[in-house]
Amino acid sequence: VLAGEQAVITASMLSTEDADTPVEELVYHIEMPTNGVVALKEEPGESIQNFSQAHINRGEIIFIHEGEESGEFSFTVTDGEHTSPLYRFVIRARPHTITLETGEELVVFPGKDAKRLPDS
């Protein structure tokens, strides 16, 4: 994830399968991340501690980076009858890096305000 940004947690990053349990019933229980929050994509202002594999498969779970570059959250998964051991999901934020290789003007659009950098 880029520092200060949000990223979708995909099934290629976090996935659980159980042959006799639908993905809607495979529920993750997480502890608060140490460098951000986990939220539903449609409600990024509300952190969550529980979500299903179905949410992940549909691209509805996001991580929003806040704070330290490196962090994690711990989680278990349950099918309603059995619960996994405690696992760790490690998160590393990368800084935004822009390299200007020409003598041209660079215009950056961070949200609504444009900032012009002088020619080098």
Protein backbone atom coordinates (compact mmCIF):
# COMPACT_ATOMS: atom_id res chain seq x y z
CA VAL A 1 0.00 0.00 0.00
CA LEU A 2 1.18 3.55 -0.64
CA ALA A 3 1.78 5.64 2.48
CA GLY A 4 -1.39 7.43 3.56
CA GLU A 5 -3.53 5.65 0.96
CA GLN A 6 -6.05 2.82 0.89
CA ALA A 7 -5.77 -0.54 -0.83
CA VAL A 8 -8.22 -3.37 -1.47
CA ILE A 9 -7.42 -6.60 0.38
CA THR A 10 -7.81 -9.18 -2.39
CA ALA A 11 -8.34 -12.94 -2.30
CA SER A 12 -4.79 -13.37 -3.61
CA MET A 13 -3.58 -11.63 -0.43
CA LEU A 14 -5.93 -13.24 2.10
CA SER A 15 -7.98 -16.35 1.39
CA THR A 16 -9.56 -19.20 3.32
CA GLU A 17 -11.29 -22.26 1.89
CA ASP A 18 -13.39 -24.91 3.61
CA ALA A 19 -14.98 -27.59 1.44
CA ASP A 20 -18.22 -27.76 3.44
CA THR A 21 -18.63 -24.05 4.27
CA PRO A 22 -19.85 -21.28 1.93
CA VAL A 23 -17.54 -18.26 1.71
CA GLU A 24 -20.24 -16.09 3.34
CA GLU A 25 -19.85 -18.18 6.52
CA LEU A 26 -16.04 -18.07 6.68
CA VAL A 27 -15.62 -15.14 9.05
CA TYR A 28 -12.40 -13.33 9.90
CA HIS A 29 -12.02 -11.77 13.35
CA ILE A 30 -9.16 -9.26 13.41
CA GLU A 31 -7.32 -7.27 16.05
CA MET A 32 -6.78 -3.59 15.27
CA PRO A 33 -3.97 -3.07 12.76
CA THR A 34 -0.89 -1.34 14.14
CA ASN A 35 -0.52 1.05 11.17
CA GLY A 36 -4.02 1.75 9.87
CA VAL A 37 -7.58 0.49 9.76
CA VAL A 38 -9.54 -2.19 7.94
CA ALA A 39 -12.91 -1.02 6.61
CA LEU A 40 -15.64 -1.75 4.11
CA LYS A 41 -14.94 0.02 0.82
CA GLU A 42 -18.36 1.70 0.99
CA GLU A 43 -17.78 2.94 4.58
CA PRO A 44 -14.09 3.88 4.79
CA GLY A 45 -14.65 6.02 7.89
CA GLU A 46 -15.78 3.05 10.00
CA SER A 47 -13.17 0.48 11.03
CA ILE A 48 -14.32 -3.14 11.23
CA GLN A 49 -13.09 -6.18 13.14
CA ASN A 50 -15.17 -8.86 11.36
CA PHE A 51 -15.74 -9.68 7.69
CA SER A 52 -16.25 -12.76 5.54
CA GLN A 53 -14.30 -14.38 2.74
CA ALA A 54 -17.21 -13.36 0.49
CA HIS A 55 -16.48 -9.68 1.30
CA ILE A 56 -12.85 -10.21 0.27
CA ASN A 57 -13.80 -12.09 -2.91
CA ARG A 58 -16.11 -9.21 -3.94
CA GLY A 59 -13.36 -6.61 -3.34
CA GLU A 60 -15.26 -4.92 -0.51
CA ILE A 61 -12.52 -4.89 2.16
CA ILE A 62 -9.90 -2.13 2.24
CA PHE A 63 -6.91 -1.29 4.36
CA ILE A 64 -6.30 2.41 5.02
CA HIS A 65 -2.71 3.21 5.96
CA GLU A 66 -2.12 5.54 8.91
CA GLY A 67 1.11 5.94 10.84
CA GLU A 68 4.18 3.72 10.76
CA GLU A 69 5.57 2.26 7.53
CA SER A 70 5.49 -1.32 8.79
CA GLY A 71 2.65 -2.95 10.71
CA GLU A 72 0.29 -5.87 10.95
CA PHE A 73 -2.97 -7.21 12.23
CA SER A 74 -3.64 -10.59 13.79
CA PHE A 75 -6.68 -12.64 12.84
CA THR A 76 -8.54 -15.90 13.22
CA VAL A 77 -11.05 -17.44 10.82
CA THR A 78 -14.10 -19.42 11.85
CA ASP A 79 -16.72 -21.45 10.02
CA GLY A 80 -19.04 -21.25 13.03
CA GLU A 81 -17.85 -24.57 14.47
CA HIS A 82 -14.06 -24.44 14.26
CA THR A 83 -11.66 -21.53 14.68
CA SER A 84 -8.18 -21.29 13.17
CA PRO A 85 -5.06 -20.47 15.17
CA LEU A 86 -4.05 -16.82 15.34
CA TYR A 87 -2.33 -15.63 12.12
CA ARG A 88 -0.56 -12.38 11.23
CA PHE A 89 -1.18 -10.23 8.15
CA VAL A 90 1.86 -8.00 7.59
CA ILE A 91 1.41 -4.59 5.98
CA ARG A 92 4.19 -2.40 4.61
CA ALA A 93 3.59 1.08 3.27
CA ARG A 94 5.69 2.50 0.44
CA PRO A 95 6.32 6.24 0.20
CA HIS A 96 5.04 8.20 -2.78
CA THR A 97 7.98 8.77 -5.12
CA ILE A 98 7.91 10.96 -8.20
CA THR A 99 11.04 11.34 -10.30
CA LEU A 100 11.14 14.18 -12.80
CA GLU A 101 13.46 13.27 -15.65
CA THR A 102 12.71 16.09 -18.07
CA GLY A 103 13.01 19.85 -17.90
CA GLU A 104 9.25 20.11 -18.32
CA GLU A 105 6.81 21.44 -15.74
CA LEU A 106 5.19 18.82 -13.48
CA VAL A 107 1.60 19.28 -12.35
CA VAL A 108 0.43 17.15 -9.40
CA PHE A 109 -3.24 16.75 -8.51
CA PRO A 110 -3.54 15.71 -4.83
CA GLY A 111 -7.31 15.80 -4.48
CA LYS A 112 -8.76 19.14 -5.53
CA ASP A 113 -5.68 21.39 -5.37
CA ALA A 114 -3.06 21.43 -8.11
CA LYS A 115 0.50 22.31 -7.19
CA ARG A 116 3.10 23.39 -9.71
CA LEU A 117 6.72 22.48 -9.14
CA PRO A 118 9.40 24.75 -10.61
CA ASP A 119 11.53 23.55 -13.50
CA SER A 120 14.86 22.12 -12.36
